[in-house]
Protein backbone atom coordinates (compact mmCIF):
# COMPACT_ATOMS: atom_id res chain seq x y z
CA MET A 1 1.54 -7.44 48.71
CA LYS A 2 -0.58 -6.84 45.63
CA THR A 3 -0.62 -8.91 42.44
CA ALA A 4 0.66 -7.98 39.02
CA LYS A 5 -2.96 -8.02 37.84
CA GLU A 6 -3.85 -5.38 40.42
CA LEU A 7 -0.94 -3.24 39.20
CA ARG A 8 -2.27 -3.43 35.64
CA VAL A 9 -5.76 -2.42 36.82
CA SER A 10 -4.34 0.54 38.74
CA LEU A 11 -2.39 1.65 35.67
CA GLU A 12 -5.47 1.42 33.47
CA LYS A 13 -7.38 3.70 35.87
CA ILE A 14 -4.82 6.53 35.85
CA ASN A 15 -4.23 6.76 32.10
CA HIS A 16 -4.17 10.43 30.96
CA LYS A 17 -4.51 11.71 34.53
CA SER A 18 -2.04 14.24 35.94
CA TYR A 19 1.45 12.95 36.65
CA PRO A 20 1.25 12.90 40.50
CA TYR A 21 -1.21 9.98 40.29
CA TYR A 22 1.81 7.76 39.52
CA LYS A 23 2.76 8.07 43.22
CA ASP A 24 -0.22 5.87 44.13
CA LEU A 25 1.66 2.94 42.54
CA LYS A 26 4.30 2.73 45.29
CA GLY A 27 4.37 -0.75 46.78
CA SER A 28 5.15 -4.40 46.02
CA TYR A 29 3.60 -6.57 43.30
CA LYS A 30 3.86 -10.33 42.76
CA PHE A 31 4.66 -11.33 39.18
CA LYS A 32 5.04 -14.92 38.00
CA ASN A 33 8.79 -15.27 38.68
CA PHE A 34 9.62 -12.19 40.73
CA ILE A 35 8.41 -9.43 43.03
CA LEU A 36 8.44 -5.89 41.64
CA GLU A 37 8.86 -3.07 44.15
CA ILE A 38 8.12 0.51 43.14
CA ASN A 39 10.19 2.29 45.77
CA HIS A 40 10.27 5.91 44.65
CA VAL A 41 8.20 7.66 42.00
CA GLN A 42 9.62 10.73 40.27
CA SER A 43 7.73 13.95 40.99
CA ASP A 44 7.34 14.95 37.33
CA PRO A 45 8.43 13.74 33.87
CA TYR A 46 11.58 15.87 34.01
CA ALA A 47 12.81 14.70 37.43
CA SER A 48 15.25 11.86 38.02
CA PRO A 49 13.74 8.49 37.03
CA SER A 50 11.73 6.38 39.43
CA ASP A 51 13.46 3.71 41.55
CA LEU A 52 12.36 0.10 41.17
CA THR A 53 13.55 -3.24 42.53
CA VAL A 54 13.19 -6.79 41.27
CA ARG A 55 13.38 -9.55 43.89
CA ILE A 56 13.72 -13.18 42.90
CA LEU A 57 13.55 -15.53 45.85
CA ARG A 58 15.00 -18.56 44.02
CA PRO A 59 16.91 -17.47 40.91
CA GLY A 60 18.73 -20.81 40.87
CA PHE A 61 22.35 -19.71 40.63
CA PRO A 62 24.76 -22.42 41.86
CA SER A 63 25.56 -21.79 45.52
CA VAL A 64 29.30 -22.15 44.89
CA TYR A 65 29.06 -18.87 42.94
CA TYR A 66 27.98 -16.84 45.98
CA GLU A 67 29.02 -18.66 49.17
CA LYS A 68 32.28 -16.70 49.50
CA TYR A 69 32.41 -12.91 49.45
CA GLU A 70 34.84 -12.45 46.54
CA GLN A 71 33.01 -14.87 44.28
CA ARG A 72 29.66 -13.33 45.19
CA ILE A 73 30.95 -9.93 44.06
CA ALA A 74 32.03 -11.45 40.75
CA LEU A 75 28.62 -13.09 40.26
CA GLN A 76 26.70 -9.90 41.08
CA ASP A 77 28.93 -7.96 38.70
CA GLN A 78 28.40 -10.43 35.86
CA ILE A 79 24.61 -10.56 36.38
CA LEU A 80 24.53 -6.77 36.21
CA ARG A 81 26.52 -6.84 32.98
CA LEU A 82 24.14 -9.37 31.43
CA PHE A 83 21.08 -7.35 32.45
CA HIS A 84 22.65 -4.15 31.12
CA GLU A 85 23.33 -5.85 27.77
CA GLY A 86 19.71 -7.01 27.71
CA LEU A 87 18.55 -3.43 28.31
CA LYS A 88 20.63 -2.22 25.37
CA GLU A 89 18.89 -4.70 23.11
CA TYR A 90 15.52 -3.69 24.53
CA ALA A 91 16.24 0.04 24.12
CA SER A 92 17.05 -0.37 20.43
CA ASN A 93 13.88 -2.33 19.75
CA GLY A 94 12.01 0.47 17.99
CA ARG A 95 10.61 2.16 21.09
CA SER A 96 8.91 5.53 20.79
CA LYS A 97 10.29 8.61 22.55
CA LYS A 98 7.16 8.87 24.70
CA SER A 99 7.50 5.42 26.19
CA GLY A 100 10.06 6.18 28.89
CA SER A 101 13.20 4.17 29.49
CA LEU A 102 14.80 1.66 31.82
CA SER A 103 18.33 2.05 33.13
CA VAL A 104 20.66 0.24 35.52
CA SER A 105 24.18 0.77 36.87
CA ARG A 106 26.73 0.17 34.17
CA PRO A 107 29.86 -1.71 35.30
CA ASN A 108 33.21 -0.69 33.81
CA GLN A 109 36.34 -2.81 33.40
CA LYS A 110 36.73 -3.19 37.17
CA VAL A 111 34.77 -5.72 39.20
CA LEU A 112 33.22 -3.75 42.05
CA GLU A 113 30.56 -4.56 44.58
CA ARG A 114 27.52 -2.41 43.76
CA SER A 115 24.21 -1.68 45.43
CA ALA A 116 22.43 -2.27 42.12
CA CYS A 117 22.74 -6.05 42.37
CA THR A 118 23.03 -8.16 45.51
CA ILE A 119 22.63 -11.83 46.33
CA LYS A 120 21.91 -12.96 49.88
CA PRO A 121 24.54 -15.56 50.75
CA ASP A 122 22.26 -17.51 53.10
CA THR A 123 19.25 -17.89 50.76
CA GLY A 124 20.51 -17.06 47.26
CA GLU A 125 17.80 -14.40 46.84
CA LEU A 126 18.63 -11.93 44.03
CA ILE A 127 17.85 -8.22 44.43
CA LEU A 128 18.32 -5.96 41.41
CA LYS A 129 17.71 -2.22 41.58
CA PHE A 130 17.07 -0.19 38.45
CA HIS A 131 15.41 3.00 37.23
CA ALA A 132 12.43 3.73 35.01
CA ALA A 133 11.36 7.03 33.48
CA PHE A 134 7.60 6.80 33.86
CA PRO A 135 6.16 7.88 30.48
CA ALA A 136 3.99 10.94 29.91
CA ALA A 137 2.73 13.33 27.25
CA GLY A 138 3.48 16.71 28.76
CA ARG A 139 2.32 16.14 32.34
CA LYS A 140 -0.35 13.58 31.46
CA ILE A 141 0.23 9.95 32.36
CA LEU A 142 0.74 7.44 29.53
CA SER A 143 0.03 4.37 31.60
CA HIS A 144 -0.45 2.09 28.57
CA GLU A 145 3.20 2.72 27.74
CA LEU A 146 4.23 1.82 31.29
CA ILE A 147 2.12 -1.35 31.08
CA ARG A 148 4.06 -2.31 27.96
CA ILE A 149 7.38 -1.58 29.67
CA LEU A 150 6.62 -3.57 32.83
CA PHE A 151 4.66 -6.47 31.37
CA ASN A 152 5.89 -6.90 27.81
CA GLU A 153 9.54 -5.91 28.24
CA LEU A 154 10.69 -6.04 31.88
CA GLU A 155 9.11 -9.43 32.51
CA PRO A 156 10.94 -11.18 29.65
CA LEU A 157 14.17 -9.32 30.56
CA VAL A 158 14.00 -10.74 34.07
CA ASP A 159 13.16 -14.16 32.74
CA HIS A 160 16.05 -14.24 30.22
CA TYR A 161 18.82 -12.61 32.28
CA LEU A 162 18.12 -13.08 36.00
CA ILE A 163 16.97 -16.71 36.29
CA TYR A 164 19.83 -19.16 35.93
CA ASP A 165 17.99 -22.04 34.22
CA HIS A 166 16.63 -19.63 31.60
CA LEU A 167 20.03 -18.15 30.69
CA SER A 168 21.48 -19.02 27.33
CA LYS A 169 24.36 -21.48 27.33
CA GLU A 170 26.68 -18.63 26.37
CA ASN A 171 25.61 -16.54 29.36
CA GLN A 172 25.93 -19.48 31.73
CA GLU A 173 29.48 -19.93 30.45
CA CYS A 174 30.13 -16.22 31.13
CA LEU A 175 29.13 -16.74 34.76
CA GLN A 176 31.38 -19.79 35.05
CA ARG A 177 34.36 -17.88 33.60
CA ALA A 178 33.72 -14.96 35.98
CA PHE A 179 33.64 -17.38 38.91
CA GLU A 180 36.84 -19.16 37.91
CA LEU A 181 38.64 -15.86 37.27
CA SER A 182 37.59 -14.55 40.66
CA VAL A 183 38.93 -17.66 42.40
CA ASP A 184 42.24 -17.32 40.55
CA GLN A 185 42.52 -13.61 41.31
CA CYS A 186 41.99 -14.33 45.00
CA ALA A 187 44.69 -16.99 44.83
CA ILE A 188 47.15 -14.50 43.33
CA ARG A 189 46.37 -11.92 46.04
CA HIS A 190 46.98 -14.57 48.69
CA GLN A 191 50.28 -15.59 47.11
CA LEU A 192 51.49 -11.97 46.96
CA LYS A 193 51.78 -12.12 50.76
CA GLU A 194 53.34 -15.57 50.76
CA LYS A 195 55.98 -14.59 48.20
CA HIS A 196 56.61 -11.09 49.67
CA LEU A 197 55.51 -9.35 46.48
CA SER A 198 53.94 -5.93 46.02
CA ALA A 199 52.36 -6.90 42.70
CA PHE A 200 52.23 -9.52 39.97
CA ILE A 201 51.64 -9.14 36.23
CA ALA A 202 51.06 -12.30 34.20
CA ASP A 203 52.86 -12.89 30.94
CA GLY A 204 50.55 -12.08 28.04
CA ALA A 205 48.76 -9.28 29.88
CA ILE A 206 47.73 -6.30 27.76
CA LEU A 207 48.43 -3.13 29.74
CA PRO A 208 48.00 -0.25 27.21
CA ARG A 209 44.48 1.12 26.77
CA LYS A 210 42.85 1.94 23.46
CA SER A 211 42.64 5.67 24.25
CA GLY A 212 42.45 8.11 27.12
CA ASN A 213 38.67 7.78 27.38
CA LEU A 214 38.32 4.13 26.35
CA ASP A 215 39.43 1.76 29.10
CA ILE A 216 39.59 -1.28 26.84
CA PRO A 217 42.77 -3.04 25.68
CA MET A 218 44.70 -1.61 22.75
CA ALA A 219 44.34 -4.05 19.86
CA GLU A 220 47.93 -3.76 18.60
CA ALA A 221 49.57 -3.62 22.04
CA ILE A 222 52.65 -5.69 22.85
CA PRO A 223 51.79 -8.51 25.29
CA PHE A 224 53.58 -8.24 28.63
CA GLN A 225 56.63 -10.48 29.10
CA SER A 226 58.51 -10.74 32.37
CA PRO A 227 62.30 -10.66 32.47
CA GLU A 228 63.64 -14.03 33.56
CA SER A 229 65.23 -12.64 36.73
CA LEU A 230 61.84 -11.42 38.02
CA MET A 231 59.84 -14.39 36.77
CA VAL A 232 57.44 -15.82 39.35
CA GLU A 233 55.19 -18.84 39.01
CA MET A 234 51.69 -18.77 40.47
CA ASP A 235 49.78 -21.97 41.13
CA LEU A 236 46.08 -21.26 40.52
CA PRO A 237 42.98 -23.43 41.01
CA TYR A 238 41.69 -23.06 37.43
CA ARG A 239 44.49 -21.68 35.24
CA LYS A 240 46.91 -23.98 37.04
CA LYS A 241 50.49 -22.73 36.71
CA ILE A 242 50.99 -19.29 35.20
CA ARG A 243 54.13 -17.19 34.97
CA GLY A 244 54.72 -13.48 35.12
CA MET A 245 56.66 -10.65 36.70
CA GLY A 246 56.65 -10.52 40.46
CA ILE A 247 57.47 -7.05 41.78
CA PRO A 248 59.18 -7.66 45.11
CA GLU A 249 58.57 -5.71 48.28
CA GLY A 250 61.10 -2.97 48.90
CA ILE A 251 62.17 -0.02 46.75
CA VAL A 252 61.46 -0.64 43.07
CA LEU A 253 62.44 1.89 40.41
CA ILE A 254 60.75 1.83 37.00
CA THR A 255 62.79 3.74 34.44
CA GLY A 256 63.29 4.04 30.69
CA GLY A 257 62.92 6.50 27.86
CA GLY A 258 59.83 8.57 27.19
CA TYR A 259 56.85 6.77 25.61
CA HIS A 260 58.27 3.33 26.43
CA GLY A 261 55.51 2.30 28.84
CA LYS A 262 56.61 3.43 32.33
CA SER A 263 53.38 5.27 33.17
CA THR A 264 51.30 2.55 31.51
CA LEU A 265 52.84 -0.01 33.85
CA LEU A 266 52.29 2.26 36.86
CA GLN A 267 48.64 2.84 35.93
CA ALA A 268 48.10 -0.91 35.72
CA LEU A 269 49.59 -1.22 39.21
CA GLU A 270 47.38 1.62 40.54
CA GLU A 271 44.23 -0.04 39.25
CA GLY A 272 45.43 -3.53 40.17
CA VAL A 273 43.97 -2.94 43.65
CA TYR A 274 40.69 -3.94 41.94
CA ASN A 275 39.93 -7.13 40.06
CA HIS A 276 39.28 -6.69 36.34
CA VAL A 277 36.72 -8.36 34.14
CA ASP A 278 37.62 -11.22 31.80
CA GLY A 279 39.01 -9.87 28.52
CA ASP A 280 40.28 -6.60 30.00
CA GLY A 281 43.90 -7.61 29.45
CA ARG A 282 44.82 -6.73 33.05
CA GLU A 283 42.71 -9.41 34.74
CA LEU A 284 45.88 -11.10 36.01
CA ALA A 285 47.67 -7.84 36.89
CA ILE A 286 47.23 -7.77 40.67
CA THR A 287 48.49 -5.24 43.21
CA ARG A 288 48.15 -5.48 46.98
CA SER A 289 44.83 -3.92 47.88
CA ASP A 290 46.16 -1.21 50.23
CA ALA A 291 48.47 0.39 47.63
CA MET A 292 48.12 4.17 47.36
CA LYS A 293 49.14 6.52 44.55
CA ILE A 294 51.07 9.51 45.89
CA ARG A 295 51.44 12.82 44.05
CA ALA A 296 51.75 16.56 44.52
CA GLU A 297 48.41 18.30 44.91
CA ASP A 298 48.84 22.06 44.85
CA GLY A 299 46.13 23.99 46.68
CA ARG A 300 44.67 21.18 48.80
CA SER A 301 43.87 21.78 52.45
CA VAL A 302 45.93 20.02 55.10
CA LYS A 303 44.48 19.48 58.58
CA ALA A 304 46.62 18.53 61.60
CA ASP A 305 49.08 16.37 59.64
CA ASP A 306 52.45 15.54 61.15
CA ILE A 307 54.67 16.30 58.14
CA SER A 308 57.81 16.81 60.22
CA MET A 309 59.44 13.73 58.71
CA PHE A 310 59.75 15.77 55.50
CA ILE A 311 59.43 19.44 56.47
CA GLN A 312 61.04 21.04 59.52
CA ASN A 313 62.18 24.46 60.78
CA LEU A 314 59.98 26.63 58.58
CA PRO A 315 60.98 30.33 58.47
CA THR A 316 57.50 31.16 59.77
CA LYS A 317 58.12 28.88 62.81
CA LYS A 318 54.91 27.04 61.89
CA ASP A 319 54.53 23.72 63.71
CA THR A 320 55.03 20.93 61.16
CA ARG A 321 54.15 18.25 63.71
CA CYS A 322 50.58 19.49 63.55
CA PHE A 323 50.53 21.32 60.25
CA MET A 324 47.53 23.14 58.82
CA THR A 325 47.04 25.12 55.63
CA GLU A 326 44.22 25.89 53.20
CA ASP A 327 46.58 26.20 50.23
CA ALA A 328 49.35 23.62 50.30
CA SER A 329 52.30 23.86 47.94
CA GLY A 330 53.37 20.94 45.76
CA SER A 331 55.99 19.73 48.24
CA THR A 332 53.78 20.26 51.31
CA SER A 333 50.82 18.47 49.72
CA GLN A 334 52.96 15.52 48.68
CA ALA A 335 54.43 15.28 52.17
CA ALA A 336 50.90 15.27 53.59
CA ASN A 337 49.82 12.61 51.10
CA VAL A 338 52.66 10.29 52.13
CA VAL A 339 51.90 10.78 55.83
CA GLU A 340 48.17 10.19 55.28
CA ALA A 341 48.89 7.00 53.32
CA ILE A 342 50.89 5.66 56.26
CA GLU A 343 48.08 6.78 58.61
CA ALA A 344 45.64 4.78 56.44
CA GLY A 345 47.73 1.63 56.83
CA SER A 346 49.10 1.46 53.29
CA LYS A 347 52.23 -0.66 52.89
CA LEU A 348 52.82 0.25 49.25
CA LEU A 349 53.25 3.73 47.78
CA LEU A 350 53.08 4.31 44.01
CA VAL A 351 54.88 7.44 42.82
CA ASP A 352 55.45 9.00 39.38
CA GLU A 353 58.06 11.75 39.06
CA ASP A 354 55.86 13.43 36.43
CA THR A 355 53.20 14.22 39.06
CA SER A 356 55.60 14.89 41.92
CA ALA A 357 57.12 18.08 43.32
CA THR A 358 60.78 18.10 42.33
CA ASN A 359 61.98 19.79 45.53
CA PHE A 360 60.11 17.17 47.56
CA MET A 361 61.67 14.24 45.70
CA VAL A 362 65.40 15.05 45.35
CA ARG A 363 68.13 17.58 46.05
CA ASP A 364 71.20 17.54 43.82
CA ASP A 365 74.84 18.19 44.75
CA LEU A 366 75.04 21.66 43.26
CA MET A 367 71.96 22.89 45.09
CA ALA A 368 73.20 21.32 48.34
CA SER A 369 76.53 23.11 47.93
CA VAL A 370 74.82 26.50 47.51
CA ILE A 371 71.93 26.08 50.00
CA SER A 372 73.03 24.41 53.21
CA LYS A 373 70.94 21.88 55.11
CA ASP A 374 70.24 24.46 57.81
CA GLU A 375 68.71 26.77 55.21
CA GLU A 376 66.51 24.11 53.59
CA PRO A 377 63.42 22.97 55.58
CA ILE A 378 62.63 20.05 53.24
CA ILE A 379 64.09 16.62 53.91
CA PRO A 380 63.67 15.10 50.42
CA PHE A 381 61.83 11.87 49.81
CA ILE A 382 65.05 10.26 48.57
CA ALA A 383 66.50 10.57 52.07
CA ARG A 384 63.46 8.93 53.64
CA ILE A 385 62.67 6.23 51.09
CA ARG A 386 64.83 3.49 52.64
CA PRO A 387 63.83 4.26 56.24
CA LEU A 388 60.20 4.05 55.03
CA LYS A 389 60.80 0.40 54.21
CA GLU A 390 63.19 -0.48 57.02
CA GLU A 391 61.42 1.33 59.87
CA LYS A 392 57.78 1.51 58.70
CA GLY A 393 57.57 -1.56 56.46
CA VAL A 394 56.35 0.58 53.53
CA SER A 395 57.43 -0.40 50.02
CA VAL A 396 57.68 2.10 47.17
CA ILE A 397 57.31 1.67 43.41
CA LEU A 398 58.67 4.80 41.74
CA VAL A 399 58.63 5.82 38.08
CA ALA A 400 61.65 7.99 37.25
CA GLY A 401 62.95 8.66 33.75
CA SER A 402 64.90 11.88 34.10
CA SER A 403 67.08 11.37 37.18
CA GLY A 404 69.27 8.51 38.35
CA ALA A 405 69.33 9.81 41.90
CA PHE A 406 67.21 6.91 43.18
CA PHE A 407 69.43 4.16 41.70
CA ASP A 408 71.41 3.98 44.93
CA LYS A 409 68.24 3.53 47.01
CA ALA A 410 66.52 0.95 44.82
CA ASP A 411 66.45 -2.77 45.54
CA THR A 412 65.19 -3.47 42.03
CA VAL A 413 65.46 -1.38 38.85
CA ILE A 414 63.16 -2.18 35.92
CA GLN A 415 63.68 -0.55 32.53
CA MET A 416 60.70 -0.32 30.18
CA ASP A 417 62.00 -0.67 26.64
CA GLU A 418 59.27 -0.45 23.98
CA TYR A 419 56.77 -1.77 26.57
CA VAL A 420 59.06 -4.70 27.44
CA PRO A 421 60.37 -4.78 31.04
CA LYS A 422 64.06 -5.49 31.62
CA ASP A 423 65.78 -6.04 34.95
CA ILE A 424 68.73 -3.61 34.93
CA THR A 425 69.40 -3.64 38.68
CA GLN A 426 73.00 -4.77 38.28
CA LYS A 427 73.64 -2.28 35.48
CA ALA A 428 72.31 0.56 37.64
CA LYS A 429 74.44 -0.48 40.63
CA GLU A 430 77.54 -0.57 38.43
CA ALA A 431 76.76 2.92 37.14
CA ILE A 432 76.63 4.25 40.72
CA LYS A 433 80.23 3.19 41.28
CA ASN A 434 81.36 5.57 38.52
CA HIS A 435 79.95 8.57 40.38
CA THR A 436 81.50 10.36 43.31
CA GLN A 437 80.24 9.49 46.77
CA SER A 438 78.95 13.06 47.18
CA SER A 439 76.24 12.30 44.63
CA VAL A 440 74.70 9.80 47.05
CA ILE A 441 72.22 11.30 49.52
CA ASP A 442 72.40 9.83 53.01
CA ASP A 443 69.35 8.23 54.58
CA VAL A 444 67.65 10.16 57.38
CA PRO A 445 66.10 7.89 60.04
CA PHE A 446 62.66 8.76 61.40
CA ASN A 447 63.21 8.37 65.16
CA GLN A 448 59.54 9.17 65.72
CA GLU A 449 56.04 7.85 65.22
CA ILE A 450 53.40 9.59 63.12
CA ARG A 451 50.60 10.79 65.35
CA SER A 452 47.09 9.74 64.35
CA ARG A 453 44.37 12.33 63.76
CA ILE A 454 40.93 12.50 65.33
CA PRO A 455 38.07 13.92 63.22
CA LEU A 456 35.74 16.22 65.16
CA LYS A 457 32.06 16.99 64.59
CA ASN A 458 31.48 19.01 61.43
CA ARG A 459 29.03 21.89 61.85
CA VAL A 460 27.87 21.47 58.26
CA LEU A 461 26.18 18.24 59.36
CA ASP A 462 23.96 19.97 61.93
CA GLN A 463 21.37 20.35 59.18
CA ASP A 464 18.69 17.66 58.96
CA ARG A 465 19.00 17.08 55.22
CA ILE A 466 22.38 17.16 53.53
CA LYS A 467 22.47 16.80 49.77
CA VAL A 468 25.37 14.94 48.18
CA LYS A 469 26.14 15.63 44.53
CA THR A 470 29.00 14.54 42.31
CA THR A 471 30.61 15.64 39.07
CA GLY A 472 32.24 12.82 37.13
CA LEU A 473 35.42 11.74 38.89
CA ASP A 474 36.30 15.29 39.90
CA THR A 475 34.10 16.61 42.70
CA ILE A 476 31.97 15.53 45.63
CA SER A 477 29.68 18.27 46.94
CA ILE A 478 28.35 17.91 50.50
CA GLY A 479 25.74 20.58 51.03
CA ARG A 480 27.21 23.61 49.28
CA GLU A 481 30.83 22.63 49.80
CA PRO A 482 32.78 20.99 46.94
CA ILE A 483 35.52 18.48 47.74
CA ASP A 484 38.14 18.25 44.98
CA VAL A 485 39.01 14.57 44.42
CA ARG A 486 40.33 14.71 40.85
CA TYR A 487 43.85 13.84 42.06
CA LEU A 488 42.68 10.69 43.82
CA GLU A 489 43.62 8.67 40.77
CA GLN A 490 42.55 5.28 42.12
CA LEU A 491 38.88 6.27 42.09
CA VAL A 492 37.61 4.69 38.89
CA ASP A 493 33.80 4.97 38.87
CA PRO A 494 31.41 7.92 39.45
CA GLU A 495 29.31 5.76 41.77
CA GLN A 496 32.31 5.56 44.10
CA LEU A 497 32.17 9.35 44.55
CA LYS A 498 28.48 9.24 45.48
CA THR A 499 29.29 6.44 47.92
CA LEU A 500 32.15 8.36 49.54
CA GLY A 501 30.04 11.50 49.91
CA LYS A 502 27.24 9.58 51.66
CA MET A 503 29.77 7.69 53.80
CA ALA A 504 31.38 10.98 54.88
CA VAL A 505 27.97 12.35 55.94
CA TYR A 506 26.99 9.16 57.78
CA ALA A 507 30.35 8.88 59.53
CA GLY A 508 30.25 12.56 60.50
CA LYS A 509 26.79 12.24 62.03
CA ASN A 510 27.14 8.86 63.70
CA LEU A 511 30.75 7.77 64.20
CA MET A 512 32.85 10.85 64.92
CA ASP A 513 32.89 11.02 68.73
CA SER A 514 35.96 13.27 69.13
CA LYS A 515 37.81 10.25 70.55
CA SER A 516 38.15 7.77 67.68
CA SER A 517 41.01 8.14 65.22
CA LEU A 518 40.34 8.75 61.53
CA ASP A 519 41.52 5.22 60.76
CA MET A 520 39.05 3.79 63.28
CA VAL A 521 36.15 5.89 61.96
CA ALA A 522 36.81 4.92 58.33
CA GLY A 523 37.28 1.26 59.24
CA GLU A 524 34.04 1.16 61.23
CA MET A 525 32.17 2.85 58.37
CA CYS A 526 33.34 0.20 55.89
CA ASP A 527 32.50 -2.60 58.35
CA LEU A 528 28.98 -1.21 58.82
CA ILE A 529 28.27 -1.30 55.09
CA LYS A 530 29.63 -4.83 54.81
CA ARG A 531 27.47 -5.95 57.74
CA ASP A 532 24.25 -3.97 57.28
CA GLY A 533 24.26 -3.26 53.55
CA TRP A 534 24.11 -0.16 51.37
CA GLN A 535 20.70 0.86 52.69
CA ILE A 536 22.28 2.63 55.66
CA LEU A 537 23.40 5.31 53.16
CA GLY A 538 19.86 5.89 51.87
CA LYS A 539 18.62 5.52 48.32
CA GLY A 540 21.10 5.74 45.49
CA ASP A 541 23.52 3.76 43.34
CA TYR A 542 26.67 2.90 45.28
CA ALA A 543 29.94 1.15 44.48
CA GLN A 544 32.72 -0.44 46.48
CA VAL A 545 35.41 1.83 47.94
CA ARG A 546 38.38 1.27 50.23
CA LYS A 547 38.97 2.56 53.74
CA GLN A 548 41.87 4.57 52.32
CA ASP A 549 39.54 6.31 49.85
CA LEU A 550 37.21 7.48 52.61
CA MET A 551 40.14 8.77 54.66
CA ASN A 552 41.38 10.67 51.61
CA VAL A 553 38.01 12.34 51.10
CA LEU A 554 37.63 13.32 54.75
CA SER A 555 41.14 14.79 54.69
CA ARG A 556 40.21 17.00 51.71
CA TRP A 557 36.91 18.21 53.18
CA ARG A 558 37.87 21.78 54.02
CA THR A 559 35.34 22.33 56.81
CA GLN A 560 36.11 19.00 58.48
CA PRO A 561 38.12 19.73 61.67
CA PHE A 562 40.83 17.45 63.07
CA ILE A 563 42.96 17.28 66.16
CA GLN A 564 45.87 14.94 66.85
CA LEU A 565 45.78 11.97 69.17
CA GLU A 566 47.92 12.82 72.17
CA ASP A 567 51.22 10.97 72.62
């Protein structure tokens, strides 16, 4: 390892030389309080920025902050936020356009594990990865500018934001609050199981967002207030006793007039699979972590799914126990999505009628009187929703504002009235009695198990180098093939897409043995990252994803072949 002084000397020597001389800087350098690693140097001034790492062997953070996995994630997230805020101050400090820039992963409102910041639980060592645009004039090196960046700006940034004893009192308090919140969030998740709840939303939570592209709380929003009949008390280590709405396991219907907050509540439940940062408003809105949002997805490919629980006896005689199509309809895609959620081990489905296929969801009396059961291949979701819970142990939270067809199936009915939830279960059950029995759709038992799928080797991966690119939250491209993920609404960060693309490639090359089920492959992939770290995916900025997310991506990869596990 070289010294920081040697790095400065090397930089002095290459000033005004051609840009490729920057590559000679790769290596490790010992500064006063940290080690700087120059891992990858950009090929020219217009390429992606260079990759650098700061290692601090003894940053001094209290061990209680990182001994347990969940609290370590919260600490890493908060450190990254502090460093990012420091960079913003540094970037606005009158720097010239020629001087390059520093950048680091930017956390959003969710607390996710990220490759950009890690702490080793056994030693407390802090590793922070960031990027630097090495400065140049045209293609000539401006090494004096890089000296200023690394010695006059990076060094004090590290000192002020990455070493615990040097943090301001305010920033130390931020870390303590993040730790306490993480402990309380874990306690709520644990109590969901104990109390047989699908989700919990604390009184006082702020669910509405400021705007469609600003994921911060709406200033004038009405604080959440649980109806008394659904009130649950949570006993937490730091906030002590808190109260809020417990959404019980089973079939829960969320209804109400338009613009009264139904979809806002559902979105909070969708994103409640992640912890949220202090001040988000939804930090105590917690959903069981395996919950999956289900919707229609016209045009998606379906590979070897057993959708026979919903679709049977097609006019084309196509086998729905091992169904394949490159252009699924709304009903077919939603059937596949439900089946794949069960395959992924989800015990909670989140459904909104606005994004569902009507003919998949319900079938009214008039239509049933004109088109007989023998002429209709679709068994609607309403006929399967109770057997889903009773036979498969899968709960459903369903938003429905235009049809009362699901009242008879629901265990709990919640009305959103001007963003205030009301328990109208009894009112809904009374209303059912005023309707004829013919309006009630009979349950259809399953009487079968869903067969698991086995992913086979993908020929695309025969190439030595496979590029993975992403576009926002919409597309993952593996090689030249785009995978449309815009309808996977629980993906919340672009870094998750990059992670899923790299995981798909790694799993395809190393884990798919034509014997292991998709669930086993995805589970092993997630376990490998947890055990061996992000580096197995190669260089890049990565963020935490769920096993279910990886299974969703692999299912939408059009060239990925599947077969079914034999009975």
